[in-house]
Amino acid sequence: MNAEDLPGLRQPAKYAVNSLSESTEFVVASLEGSRVVRLVAALPPAKAWDRAAGREHMKKLATAAGL
């Protein structure tokens, strides 16, 4: 999944894209103490974002979630 840092959030987070046969998953994961927060958006391949657009959409979601 080639995770990369996702800067600009209150908590350290990683961003990754996972291409599956039926969907593409865009993932943000953050470790807060002993708790892991994982946000996932799974889209059908025909409607999936590219990696950069997915990063921006997921960063907005992570910000709204308080990360």
C-alpha atoms as a PDB file:
ATOM      1  CA  MET A   1       0.000   0.000   0.000  1.00  0.00           C
ATOM      2  CA  ASN A   2       3.010   2.396   0.000  1.00  0.00           C
ATOM      3  CA  ALA A   3       1.937   4.624   2.892  1.00  0.00           C
ATOM      4  CA  GLU A   4       3.216   8.196   3.004  1.00  0.00           C
ATOM      5  CA  ASP A   5       3.111  10.897   5.677  1.00  0.00           C
ATOM      6  CA  LEU A   6       0.053  13.150   5.609  1.00  0.00           C
ATOM      7  CA  PRO A   7       1.225  16.468   7.072  1.00  0.00           C
ATOM      8  CA  GLY A   8      -0.991  19.308   8.255  1.00  0.00           C
ATOM      9  CA  LEU A   9      -3.155  17.385  10.724  1.00  0.00           C
ATOM     10  CA  ARG A  10      -3.216  17.628  14.531  1.00  0.00           C
ATOM     11  CA  GLN A  11      -2.103  13.992  14.848  1.00  0.00           C
ATOM     12  CA  PRO A  12       0.648  12.233  12.871  1.00  0.00           C
ATOM     13  CA  ALA A  13      -1.040  10.296  10.063  1.00  0.00           C
ATOM     14  CA  LYS A  14      -0.250   8.149   7.041  1.00  0.00           C
ATOM     15  CA  TYR A  15      -2.059   8.075   3.686  1.00  0.00           C
ATOM     16  CA  ALA A  16      -2.215   5.113   1.315  1.00  0.00           C
ATOM     17  CA  VAL A  17      -4.088   3.838  -1.719  1.00  0.00           C
ATOM     18  CA  ASN A  18      -4.983   0.184  -2.126  1.00  0.00           C
ATOM     19  CA  SER A  19      -6.202  -0.980  -5.561  1.00  0.00           C
ATOM     20  CA  LEU A  20      -8.440  -4.038  -5.337  1.00  0.00           C
ATOM     21  CA  SER A  21     -10.290  -5.881  -8.090  1.00  0.00           C
ATOM     22  CA  GLU A  22     -13.696  -4.402  -7.189  1.00  0.00           C
ATOM     23  CA  SER A  23     -12.690  -1.079  -5.617  1.00  0.00           C
ATOM     24  CA  THR A  24      -9.931   1.356  -4.832  1.00  0.00           C
ATOM     25  CA  GLU A  25      -9.444   2.170  -1.134  1.00  0.00           C
ATOM     26  CA  PHE A  26      -8.105   5.521   0.032  1.00  0.00           C
ATOM     27  CA  VAL A  27      -6.886   5.224   3.632  1.00  0.00           C
ATOM     28  CA  VAL A  28      -5.739   7.575   6.389  1.00  0.00           C
ATOM     29  CA  ALA A  29      -4.388   5.944   9.549  1.00  0.00           C
ATOM     30  CA  SER A  30      -3.295   7.661  12.743  1.00  0.00           C
ATOM     31  CA  LEU A  31      -2.004   6.382  16.078  1.00  0.00           C
ATOM     32  CA  GLU A  32      -3.257   8.351  19.088  1.00  0.00           C
ATOM     33  CA  GLY A  33      -1.684   6.885  22.227  1.00  0.00           C
ATOM     34  CA  SER A  34      -2.923   3.294  22.284  1.00  0.00           C
ATOM     35  CA  ARG A  35      -5.795   3.973  19.850  1.00  0.00           C
ATOM     36  CA  VAL A  36      -5.590   3.573  16.075  1.00  0.00           C
ATOM     37  CA  VAL A  37      -7.940   5.662  13.932  1.00  0.00           C
ATOM     38  CA  ARG A  38      -8.398   4.460  10.358  1.00  0.00           C
ATOM     39  CA  LEU A  39     -10.529   6.276   7.794  1.00  0.00           C
ATOM     40  CA  VAL A  40     -11.321   4.432   4.557  1.00  0.00           C
ATOM     41  CA  ALA A  41     -13.142   5.530   1.395  1.00  0.00           C
ATOM     42  CA  ALA A  42     -13.699   2.652  -1.045  1.00  0.00           C
ATOM     43  CA  LEU A  43     -14.758   3.614  -4.566  1.00  0.00           C
ATOM     44  CA  PRO A  44     -15.458   1.514  -7.657  1.00  0.00           C
ATOM     45  CA  PRO A  45     -12.510   1.694 -10.093  1.00  0.00           C
ATOM     46  CA  ALA A  46     -14.505   3.697 -12.658  1.00  0.00           C
ATOM     47  CA  LYS A  47     -15.242   6.429 -10.082  1.00  0.00           C
ATOM     48  CA  ALA A  48     -11.978   6.334  -8.118  1.00  0.00           C
ATOM     49  CA  TRP A  49      -9.880   9.454  -7.596  1.00  0.00           C
ATOM     50  CA  ASP A  50      -6.256   9.591  -8.635  1.00  0.00           C
ATOM     51  CA  ARG A  51      -3.723   9.384  -5.786  1.00  0.00           C
ATOM     52  CA  ALA A  52      -3.329  13.171  -5.387  1.00  0.00           C
ATOM     53  CA  ALA A  53      -7.068  13.912  -5.447  1.00  0.00           C
ATOM     54  CA  GLY A  54      -7.661  11.089  -2.972  1.00  0.00           C
ATOM     55  CA  ARG A  55      -5.033  12.587  -0.647  1.00  0.00           C
ATOM     56  CA  GLU A  56      -6.850  15.937  -0.624  1.00  0.00           C
ATOM     57  CA  HIS A  57     -10.305  14.370  -0.103  1.00  0.00           C
ATOM     58  CA  MET A  58      -9.017  12.137   2.698  1.00  0.00           C
ATOM     59  CA  LYS A  59      -7.166  15.027   4.358  1.00  0.00           C
ATOM     60  CA  LYS A  60     -10.449  16.974   4.494  1.00  0.00           C
ATOM     61  CA  LEU A  61     -12.171  13.940   6.011  1.00  0.00           C
ATOM     62  CA  ALA A  62      -9.384  13.487   8.564  1.00  0.00           C
ATOM     63  CA  THR A  63      -9.564  17.163   9.522  1.00  0.00           C
ATOM     64  CA  ALA A  64     -13.351  16.889   9.986  1.00  0.00           C
ATOM     65  CA  ALA A  65     -12.757  13.790  12.160  1.00  0.00           C
ATOM     66  CA  GLY A  66     -10.446  15.792  14.423  1.00  0.00           C
ATOM     67  CA  LEU A  67      -7.124  14.194  13.439  1.00  0.00           C
END
